[in-house]
Each structure stands twice: as C-alpha cells, then as structure tokens.
Protein backbone atom coordinates (compact mmCIF):
# COMPACT_ATOMS: atom_id res chain seq x y z
CA UNK A 1 -71.52 -49.18 -51.97
CA UNK A 2 -72.77 -46.65 -49.41
CA UNK A 3 -70.27 -47.80 -46.78
CA UNK A 4 -67.44 -48.25 -49.23
CA UNK A 5 -64.78 -47.44 -46.62
CA UNK A 6 -66.07 -43.91 -46.28
CA UNK A 7 -68.78 -44.15 -43.65
CA UNK A 8 -68.73 -46.44 -40.63
CA UNK A 9 -71.16 -49.35 -40.59
CA UNK A 10 -72.85 -48.01 -37.46
CA UNK A 11 -72.71 -45.24 -34.89
CA UNK A 12 -69.22 -44.31 -33.75
CA UNK A 13 -68.31 -42.85 -30.38
CA UNK A 14 -66.41 -39.60 -30.48
CA UNK A 15 -64.51 -37.88 -27.71
CA UNK A 16 -65.17 -34.44 -26.31
CA UNK A 17 -61.84 -33.22 -27.68
CA UNK A 18 -63.01 -34.06 -31.19
CA UNK A 19 -65.98 -31.75 -30.68
CA UNK A 20 -63.74 -28.98 -29.35
CA UNK A 21 -61.06 -29.48 -32.01
CA UNK A 22 -63.65 -28.81 -34.70
CA UNK A 23 -64.77 -25.69 -32.84
CA UNK A 24 -61.48 -23.89 -32.27
CA UNK A 25 -62.44 -20.78 -34.25
CA UNK A 26 -65.76 -20.19 -32.44
CA UNK A 27 -64.06 -20.69 -29.07
CA UNK A 28 -61.40 -18.13 -30.00
CA UNK A 29 -64.05 -15.69 -31.21
CA UNK A 30 -66.10 -16.05 -27.99
CA UNK A 31 -62.97 -15.62 -25.86
CA UNK A 32 -61.77 -12.66 -27.91
CA UNK A 33 -65.10 -10.84 -27.75
CA UNK A 34 -65.34 -11.47 -24.00
CA UNK A 35 -61.78 -10.23 -23.43
CA UNK A 36 -62.41 -7.16 -25.59
CA UNK A 37 -65.62 -6.37 -23.70
CA UNK A 38 -63.85 -6.90 -20.37
CA UNK A 39 -61.00 -4.52 -21.21
CA UNK A 40 -62.95 -1.89 -23.13
CA UNK A 41 -66.21 -1.73 -21.21
CA UNK A 42 -66.64 -3.50 -17.94
CA UNK A 43 -66.29 -6.97 -16.40
CA UNK A 44 -70.08 -7.01 -16.19
CA UNK A 45 -70.36 -7.04 -19.99
CA UNK A 46 -68.05 -10.07 -20.18
CA UNK A 47 -70.17 -11.81 -17.53
CA UNK A 48 -73.32 -11.12 -19.55
CA UNK A 49 -71.69 -12.69 -22.62
CA UNK A 50 -70.69 -15.70 -20.54
CA UNK A 51 -74.26 -15.90 -19.25
CA UNK A 52 -75.63 -15.88 -22.79
CA UNK A 53 -73.27 -18.72 -23.68
CA UNK A 54 -74.33 -20.68 -20.58
CA UNK A 55 -78.03 -20.04 -21.23
CA UNK A 56 -77.68 -21.22 -24.83
CA UNK A 57 -75.87 -24.33 -23.61
CA UNK A 58 -78.57 -25.12 -21.02
CA UNK A 59 -81.37 -24.69 -23.56
CA UNK A 60 -79.58 -26.89 -26.13
CA UNK A 61 -78.88 -29.52 -23.49
CA UNK A 62 -82.50 -29.49 -22.33
CA UNK A 63 -83.86 -29.83 -25.86
CA UNK A 64 -81.59 -32.78 -26.57
CA UNK A 65 -82.50 -34.51 -23.31
CA UNK A 66 -86.18 -33.95 -24.04
CA UNK A 67 -85.61 -35.69 -27.37
CA UNK A 68 -84.28 -38.66 -25.34
CA UNK A 69 -80.60 -38.30 -26.25
CA UNK A 70 -78.05 -39.64 -23.78
CA UNK A 71 -76.38 -37.23 -21.36
CA UNK A 72 -73.07 -37.51 -23.23
CA UNK A 73 -74.71 -36.87 -26.57
CA UNK A 74 -76.63 -33.95 -25.09
CA UNK A 75 -73.47 -32.32 -23.70
CA UNK A 76 -71.51 -32.77 -26.92
CA UNK A 77 -74.42 -31.60 -29.05
CA UNK A 78 -75.12 -28.59 -26.85
CA UNK A 79 -71.50 -27.42 -26.95
CA UNK A 80 -71.20 -28.00 -30.68
CA UNK A 81 -74.59 -26.42 -31.34
CA UNK A 82 -73.85 -23.26 -29.36
CA UNK A 83 -70.49 -22.81 -31.01
CA UNK A 84 -71.86 -23.59 -34.48
CA UNK A 85 -74.88 -21.28 -34.29
CA UNK A 86 -72.88 -18.49 -32.68
CA UNK A 87 -70.74 -18.37 -35.82
CA UNK A 88 -73.69 -18.27 -38.21
CA UNK A 89 -73.23 -14.54 -38.85
CA UNK A 90 -69.57 -14.84 -39.74
C-alpha cells in the first residue's frame, strides 16, 4: 500500500537540472540581489554575496561528504540546501 504507484520501490537517480528546476525562485532572488548590490553599491558587495554563496556551498558539501554521501549526492544536496535555506526568510 505504501508504494501504491506513488513512491518508487527504491532510490531513484535525479539529474542536476531537476535540482535547479525546483530552485528557480531562489536562483532569481540571489541573482537579483547581487545585480542590485552591483549597480547600487559596488562590485565588491556583489563579490561578497557570491563568496557567501560559495562558502555555504563548500560547508554543505563538506558536511555531506563527511556523512559518507557520494560526490554527486553531495553536490546536488549542497546546491539545493544553500538555495533552500537562503529562502527561509521569505
């Protein structure tokens, strides 16, 4: 009954575009804030925002690898995690 054509019987592989497709709004928000900061303030502010994104990605990737996830799973999870948690305030 649990797998009554709703859930797969086992783990399913997903593509990177599936992760990004579900994260279109956070990507647009990150890009919009970076563009706004670049135009209004300084390119340095946009670089700092990009650095925060990269730092969050590296930390998420490291935590997933430490938990013995595969490299692919770690990349997908880190991207999805950064984009998901960055939108927590919205």
